[in-house]
Amino acid sequence: GFMPMAVQAQLFRAENLLIVAPLNATDLEVIESRGQGPRGIWCAAANYVLTHRIASPEGRLYIKTPRGPSVSGAGRIGVVFTTRADRLASAPLQSYSVSVRQAGMGLPVVHAYQFCKDYIIDPKDRL
């Protein structure tokens, strides 16, 4: 689809080739593609955060808007993440399963970035 050049120039391609669209200083959208499951989406978000230094590796990354229609216009389906818990609509959640379907779910940036190591896609990790 058509996107203004300004938006296109800011798009970030993560290590696992997913596209990340910055929304503002603390929020970003990972565009789902290439059969990547939740771990791949968290990897791309963390890769962006660390590359652009918008949070420390010890900081946390939260799902602001769960998996759904892209808000940035950069793709069909996306997940919006934020580095600021105070930007969430409800209280942050602790979770032991890695999902992209629950607003408020948070992981340490460094933990999410570990998922970039598993390039072999686990069949259980599909959405």
N, C-alpha and C. Protein backbone atom coordinates (compact mmCIF):
# COMPACT_ATOMS: atom_id res chain seq x y z
N GLY A 1 0.82 -1.20 0.00
CA GLY A 1 0.00 0.00 0.00
C GLY A 1 0.86 1.26 0.00
N PHE A 2 0.23 2.36 -0.31
CA PHE A 2 0.94 3.64 -0.35
C PHE A 2 1.18 4.16 1.06
N MET A 3 2.40 4.63 1.29
CA MET A 3 2.71 5.27 2.58
C MET A 3 3.49 6.54 2.31
N PRO A 4 3.26 7.59 3.11
CA PRO A 4 4.07 8.80 2.94
C PRO A 4 5.55 8.48 3.11
N MET A 5 6.39 9.17 2.37
CA MET A 5 7.84 8.91 2.42
C MET A 5 8.40 9.05 3.83
N ALA A 6 7.86 10.02 4.58
CA ALA A 6 8.38 10.25 5.94
C ALA A 6 8.23 9.00 6.79
N VAL A 7 7.07 8.34 6.69
CA VAL A 7 6.84 7.12 7.46
C VAL A 7 7.76 6.02 6.97
N GLN A 8 7.84 5.86 5.65
CA GLN A 8 8.65 4.81 5.07
C GLN A 8 10.11 4.91 5.51
N ALA A 9 10.62 6.13 5.57
CA ALA A 9 12.03 6.34 5.91
C ALA A 9 12.33 5.89 7.34
N GLN A 10 11.31 5.95 8.21
CA GLN A 10 11.54 5.61 9.61
C GLN A 10 11.37 4.13 9.90
N LEU A 11 10.85 3.37 8.95
CA LEU A 11 10.63 1.95 9.21
C LEU A 11 11.96 1.26 9.50
N PHE A 12 11.90 0.31 10.41
CA PHE A 12 13.09 -0.41 10.87
C PHE A 12 12.89 -1.88 10.53
N ARG A 13 13.92 -2.50 9.94
CA ARG A 13 13.84 -3.93 9.65
C ARG A 13 14.64 -4.67 10.72
N ALA A 14 13.93 -5.47 11.51
CA ALA A 14 14.56 -6.19 12.61
C ALA A 14 15.44 -7.32 12.08
N GLU A 15 16.26 -7.87 12.97
CA GLU A 15 17.15 -8.99 12.64
C GLU A 15 16.41 -10.14 11.99
N ASN A 16 15.18 -10.37 12.44
CA ASN A 16 14.41 -11.48 11.87
C ASN A 16 13.55 -11.03 10.69
N LEU A 17 13.87 -9.83 10.17
CA LEU A 17 13.28 -9.26 8.96
C LEU A 17 11.87 -8.72 9.12
N LEU A 18 11.34 -8.74 10.34
CA LEU A 18 10.04 -8.10 10.53
C LEU A 18 10.22 -6.58 10.49
N ILE A 19 9.18 -5.89 10.06
CA ILE A 19 9.20 -4.43 9.96
C ILE A 19 8.65 -3.84 11.25
N VAL A 20 9.35 -2.83 11.76
CA VAL A 20 8.89 -2.10 12.95
C VAL A 20 8.63 -0.66 12.53
N ALA A 21 7.44 -0.16 12.86
CA ALA A 21 7.07 1.23 12.54
C ALA A 21 7.02 2.03 13.84
N PRO A 22 7.91 3.02 13.99
CA PRO A 22 7.84 3.87 15.18
C PRO A 22 6.55 4.70 15.15
N LEU A 23 5.88 4.82 16.28
CA LEU A 23 4.65 5.62 16.35
C LEU A 23 4.91 6.94 17.06
N ASN A 24 5.79 6.91 18.06
CA ASN A 24 6.22 8.12 18.77
C ASN A 24 7.48 7.73 19.54
N ALA A 25 7.89 8.55 20.49
CA ALA A 25 9.16 8.31 21.18
C ALA A 25 9.19 7.01 21.99
N THR A 26 8.02 6.52 22.40
CA THR A 26 8.01 5.35 23.28
C THR A 26 7.20 4.17 22.74
N ASP A 27 6.44 4.40 21.65
CA ASP A 27 5.56 3.36 21.12
C ASP A 27 5.99 2.95 19.71
N LEU A 28 5.79 1.68 19.41
CA LEU A 28 6.18 1.14 18.11
C LEU A 28 5.24 0.02 17.72
N GLU A 29 5.11 -0.19 16.42
CA GLU A 29 4.28 -1.28 15.94
C GLU A 29 5.13 -2.27 15.18
N VAL A 30 5.02 -3.55 15.56
CA VAL A 30 5.68 -4.62 14.81
C VAL A 30 4.65 -5.19 13.84
N ILE A 31 5.03 -5.25 12.56
CA ILE A 31 4.14 -5.77 11.53
C ILE A 31 4.36 -7.27 11.39
N GLU A 32 3.27 -8.00 11.50
CA GLU A 32 3.36 -9.46 11.42
C GLU A 32 3.58 -9.90 9.97
N SER A 33 4.52 -10.80 9.78
CA SER A 33 4.71 -11.40 8.45
C SER A 33 5.65 -12.59 8.55
N ARG A 34 5.88 -13.24 7.44
CA ARG A 34 6.87 -14.31 7.34
C ARG A 34 6.60 -15.49 8.28
N GLY A 35 5.34 -15.66 8.70
CA GLY A 35 5.00 -16.77 9.57
C GLY A 35 5.58 -16.68 10.97
N GLN A 36 6.04 -15.49 11.34
CA GLN A 36 6.62 -15.33 12.68
C GLN A 36 5.52 -15.38 13.73
N GLY A 37 5.77 -16.14 14.78
CA GLY A 37 4.83 -16.20 15.90
C GLY A 37 5.14 -15.13 16.93
N PRO A 38 4.54 -15.24 18.11
CA PRO A 38 4.71 -14.23 19.16
C PRO A 38 6.17 -13.96 19.51
N ARG A 39 7.00 -15.00 19.59
CA ARG A 39 8.39 -14.78 19.98
C ARG A 39 9.11 -13.90 18.95
N GLY A 40 8.82 -14.12 17.68
CA GLY A 40 9.42 -13.31 16.63
C GLY A 40 9.00 -11.86 16.71
N ILE A 41 7.74 -11.64 17.08
CA ILE A 41 7.22 -10.28 17.19
C ILE A 41 7.86 -9.56 18.38
N TRP A 42 7.99 -10.27 19.52
CA TRP A 42 8.68 -9.68 20.69
C TRP A 42 10.14 -9.41 20.36
N CYS A 43 10.78 -10.33 19.64
CA CYS A 43 12.19 -10.15 19.23
C CYS A 43 12.34 -8.85 18.45
N ALA A 44 11.47 -8.64 17.46
CA ALA A 44 11.58 -7.45 16.60
C ALA A 44 11.40 -6.18 17.42
N ALA A 45 10.45 -6.19 18.35
CA ALA A 45 10.20 -5.02 19.20
C ALA A 45 11.43 -4.71 20.05
N ALA A 46 12.01 -5.75 20.66
CA ALA A 46 13.18 -5.56 21.51
C ALA A 46 14.38 -5.10 20.68
N ASN A 47 14.53 -5.66 19.48
CA ASN A 47 15.63 -5.30 18.59
C ASN A 47 15.55 -3.80 18.26
N TYR A 48 14.34 -3.31 18.00
CA TYR A 48 14.14 -1.89 17.72
C TYR A 48 14.49 -1.04 18.94
N VAL A 49 13.97 -1.43 20.09
CA VAL A 49 14.19 -0.67 21.33
C VAL A 49 15.68 -0.55 21.64
N LEU A 50 16.40 -1.65 21.49
CA LEU A 50 17.84 -1.64 21.81
C LEU A 50 18.63 -0.85 20.76
N THR A 51 18.27 -1.01 19.49
CA THR A 51 18.98 -0.30 18.42
C THR A 51 18.82 1.21 18.57
N HIS A 52 17.62 1.65 18.90
CA HIS A 52 17.33 3.08 18.99
C HIS A 52 17.46 3.62 20.41
N ARG A 53 17.83 2.72 21.34
CA ARG A 53 18.07 3.10 22.73
C ARG A 53 16.90 3.86 23.34
N ILE A 54 15.68 3.37 23.10
CA ILE A 54 14.53 4.06 23.69
C ILE A 54 14.18 3.49 25.07
N ALA A 55 14.88 2.44 25.47
CA ALA A 55 14.77 1.92 26.84
C ALA A 55 16.05 1.15 27.10
N SER A 56 16.36 0.94 28.37
CA SER A 56 17.56 0.17 28.69
C SER A 56 17.24 -1.31 28.54
N PRO A 57 18.25 -2.16 28.37
CA PRO A 57 18.01 -3.60 28.27
C PRO A 57 17.26 -4.14 29.50
N GLU A 58 17.46 -3.48 30.65
CA GLU A 58 16.78 -3.90 31.88
C GLU A 58 15.36 -3.35 31.95
N GLY A 59 15.04 -2.41 31.07
CA GLY A 59 13.69 -1.85 31.06
C GLY A 59 12.69 -2.87 30.56
N ARG A 60 11.43 -2.50 30.64
CA ARG A 60 10.38 -3.43 30.19
C ARG A 60 9.68 -2.92 28.94
N LEU A 61 9.17 -3.87 28.21
CA LEU A 61 8.42 -3.62 26.98
C LEU A 61 7.02 -4.18 27.24
N TYR A 62 6.01 -3.43 26.86
CA TYR A 62 4.63 -3.84 27.12
C TYR A 62 3.81 -3.84 25.83
N ILE A 63 2.82 -4.72 25.78
CA ILE A 63 1.88 -4.68 24.67
C ILE A 63 0.84 -3.61 24.98
N LYS A 64 0.77 -2.60 24.12
CA LYS A 64 -0.20 -1.52 24.30
C LYS A 64 -1.50 -1.87 23.58
N THR A 65 -1.37 -2.37 22.35
CA THR A 65 -2.53 -2.80 21.57
C THR A 65 -2.24 -4.20 21.06
N PRO A 66 -3.05 -5.19 21.46
CA PRO A 66 -2.77 -6.56 21.03
C PRO A 66 -2.88 -6.73 19.51
N ARG A 67 -2.47 -7.89 19.06
CA ARG A 67 -2.49 -8.24 17.64
C ARG A 67 -3.83 -7.88 17.00
N GLY A 68 -3.74 -7.09 15.91
CA GLY A 68 -4.96 -6.67 15.23
C GLY A 68 -4.59 -5.85 14.00
N PRO A 69 -5.58 -5.19 13.38
CA PRO A 69 -5.29 -4.40 12.18
C PRO A 69 -4.20 -3.36 12.45
N SER A 70 -3.28 -3.23 11.51
CA SER A 70 -2.16 -2.30 11.65
C SER A 70 -2.66 -0.87 11.87
N VAL A 71 -2.04 -0.18 12.83
CA VAL A 71 -2.39 1.23 13.06
C VAL A 71 -1.46 2.18 12.30
N SER A 72 -0.28 1.69 11.92
CA SER A 72 0.71 2.56 11.28
C SER A 72 0.52 2.63 9.77
N GLY A 73 -0.23 1.69 9.22
CA GLY A 73 -0.37 1.64 7.77
C GLY A 73 0.78 0.91 7.10
N ALA A 74 1.69 0.36 7.91
CA ALA A 74 2.86 -0.31 7.34
C ALA A 74 2.59 -1.77 7.00
N GLY A 75 1.45 -2.30 7.41
CA GLY A 75 1.15 -3.70 7.12
C GLY A 75 -0.29 -4.02 7.45
N ARG A 76 -0.66 -5.29 7.27
CA ARG A 76 -2.05 -5.69 7.49
C ARG A 76 -2.36 -5.95 8.96
N ILE A 77 -1.44 -6.64 9.64
CA ILE A 77 -1.65 -7.01 11.04
C ILE A 77 -0.44 -6.53 11.84
N GLY A 78 -0.69 -5.97 13.00
CA GLY A 78 0.42 -5.49 13.80
C GLY A 78 0.14 -5.63 15.29
N VAL A 79 1.19 -5.41 16.07
CA VAL A 79 1.10 -5.39 17.53
C VAL A 79 1.80 -4.12 17.98
N VAL A 80 1.12 -3.30 18.79
CA VAL A 80 1.73 -2.06 19.28
C VAL A 80 2.33 -2.30 20.66
N PHE A 81 3.61 -1.94 20.79
CA PHE A 81 4.33 -2.05 22.05
C PHE A 81 4.66 -0.66 22.57
N THR A 82 4.84 -0.56 23.88
CA THR A 82 5.31 0.69 24.48
C THR A 82 6.37 0.35 25.53
N THR A 83 7.25 1.29 25.78
CA THR A 83 8.25 1.11 26.83
C THR A 83 7.78 1.75 28.14
N ARG A 84 6.59 2.36 28.11
CA ARG A 84 6.10 3.08 29.29
C ARG A 84 4.83 2.46 29.83
N ALA A 85 4.91 1.91 31.04
CA ALA A 85 3.73 1.30 31.66
C ALA A 85 2.62 2.32 31.86
N ASP A 86 2.99 3.58 32.05
CA ASP A 86 1.96 4.61 32.29
C ASP A 86 1.18 4.96 31.02
N ARG A 87 1.60 4.42 29.88
CA ARG A 87 0.86 4.64 28.64
C ARG A 87 -0.18 3.55 28.40
N LEU A 88 -0.21 2.54 29.28
CA LEU A 88 -1.15 1.43 29.10
C LEU A 88 -2.55 1.83 29.57
N ALA A 89 -3.56 1.27 28.93
CA ALA A 89 -4.95 1.55 29.29
C ALA A 89 -5.30 0.91 30.63
N SER A 90 -4.64 -0.20 30.96
CA SER A 90 -4.89 -0.88 32.23
C SER A 90 -3.56 -1.29 32.85
N ALA A 91 -3.60 -1.81 34.04
CA ALA A 91 -2.36 -2.16 34.76
C ALA A 91 -1.55 -3.21 34.00
N PRO A 92 -0.21 -3.12 34.08
CA PRO A 92 0.63 -4.13 33.44
C PRO A 92 0.36 -5.52 34.02
N LEU A 93 0.52 -6.52 33.19
CA LEU A 93 0.29 -7.91 33.60
C LEU A 93 1.61 -8.66 33.66
N GLN A 94 1.68 -9.63 34.55
CA GLN A 94 2.77 -10.59 34.55
C GLN A 94 2.22 -11.81 33.83
N SER A 95 3.03 -12.38 32.95
CA SER A 95 2.56 -13.56 32.25
C SER A 95 3.72 -14.50 32.06
N TYR A 96 3.42 -15.79 32.05
CA TYR A 96 4.49 -16.77 31.87
C TYR A 96 4.42 -17.38 30.48
N SER A 97 3.39 -17.03 29.73
CA SER A 97 3.35 -17.49 28.34
C SER A 97 3.61 -16.27 27.47
N VAL A 98 4.26 -16.50 26.36
CA VAL A 98 4.59 -15.39 25.47
C VAL A 98 3.47 -15.26 24.45
N SER A 99 2.77 -14.15 24.55
CA SER A 99 1.60 -13.93 23.71
C SER A 99 1.66 -12.53 23.11
N VAL A 100 0.87 -12.30 22.07
CA VAL A 100 0.72 -10.95 21.53
C VAL A 100 -0.76 -10.58 21.50
N ARG A 101 -1.54 -11.28 22.33
CA ARG A 101 -2.98 -11.10 22.31
C ARG A 101 -3.52 -10.44 23.58
N GLN A 102 -2.64 -10.01 24.47
CA GLN A 102 -3.08 -9.50 25.76
C GLN A 102 -2.48 -8.12 26.02
N ALA A 103 -3.31 -7.08 26.03
CA ALA A 103 -2.81 -5.74 26.34
C ALA A 103 -2.27 -5.72 27.76
N GLY A 104 -1.17 -5.03 27.96
CA GLY A 104 -0.58 -4.88 29.29
C GLY A 104 0.48 -5.91 29.60
N MET A 105 0.57 -6.96 28.79
CA MET A 105 1.60 -7.95 29.05
C MET A 105 2.97 -7.33 28.87
N GLY A 106 3.87 -7.59 29.81
CA GLY A 106 5.21 -7.01 29.72
C GLY A 106 6.30 -8.04 29.89
N LEU A 107 7.43 -7.76 29.26
CA LEU A 107 8.64 -8.57 29.41
C LEU A 107 9.83 -7.62 29.50
N PRO A 108 10.88 -8.01 30.22
CA PRO A 108 12.10 -7.22 30.16
C PRO A 108 12.61 -7.21 28.72
N VAL A 109 13.13 -6.06 28.28
CA VAL A 109 13.64 -5.93 26.92
C VAL A 109 14.66 -7.02 26.63
N VAL A 110 15.58 -7.24 27.56
CA VAL A 110 16.65 -8.22 27.35
C VAL A 110 16.08 -9.64 27.19
N HIS A 111 15.00 -9.94 27.88
CA HIS A 111 14.33 -11.25 27.76
C HIS A 111 13.71 -11.38 26.37
N ALA A 112 12.98 -10.35 25.95
CA ALA A 112 12.34 -10.38 24.63
C ALA A 112 13.39 -10.52 23.53
N TYR A 113 14.52 -9.87 23.73
CA TYR A 113 15.58 -9.92 22.71
C TYR A 113 16.17 -11.32 22.57
N GLN A 114 16.12 -12.10 23.64
CA GLN A 114 16.62 -13.48 23.57
C GLN A 114 15.90 -14.28 22.49
N PHE A 115 14.64 -13.91 22.23
CA PHE A 115 13.87 -14.65 21.22
C PHE A 115 14.46 -14.49 19.82
N CYS A 116 15.29 -13.48 19.63
CA CYS A 116 15.92 -13.30 18.32
C CYS A 116 16.88 -14.45 18.03
N LYS A 117 17.29 -15.16 19.07
CA LYS A 117 18.21 -16.28 18.87
C LYS A 117 17.52 -17.50 18.28
N ASP A 118 16.18 -17.59 18.43
CA ASP A 118 15.58 -18.81 17.92
C ASP A 118 15.03 -18.63 16.51
N TYR A 119 15.94 -18.60 15.57
CA TYR A 119 15.52 -18.45 14.18
C TYR A 119 14.83 -19.70 13.66
N ILE A 120 15.07 -20.83 14.30
CA ILE A 120 14.35 -22.04 13.89
C ILE A 120 12.98 -21.89 14.52
N ILE A 121 11.97 -21.71 13.68
CA ILE A 121 10.63 -21.45 14.19
C ILE A 121 10.03 -22.74 14.74
N ASP A 122 9.67 -22.67 16.00
CA ASP A 122 9.06 -23.80 16.67
C ASP A 122 7.60 -23.90 16.22
N PRO A 123 7.18 -25.08 15.75
CA PRO A 123 5.79 -25.20 15.27
C PRO A 123 4.77 -24.84 16.37
N LYS A 124 5.12 -25.01 17.64
CA LYS A 124 4.20 -24.67 18.73
C LYS A 124 4.05 -23.16 18.88
N ASP A 125 4.96 -22.43 18.26
CA ASP A 125 5.01 -20.97 18.45
C ASP A 125 4.15 -20.22 17.44
N ARG A 126 3.39 -20.95 16.64
CA ARG A 126 2.52 -20.30 15.65
C ARG A 126 1.39 -19.58 16.36
N LEU A 127 0.85 -18.56 15.72
CA LEU A 127 -0.28 -17.84 16.32
C LEU A 127 -1.54 -18.68 16.21
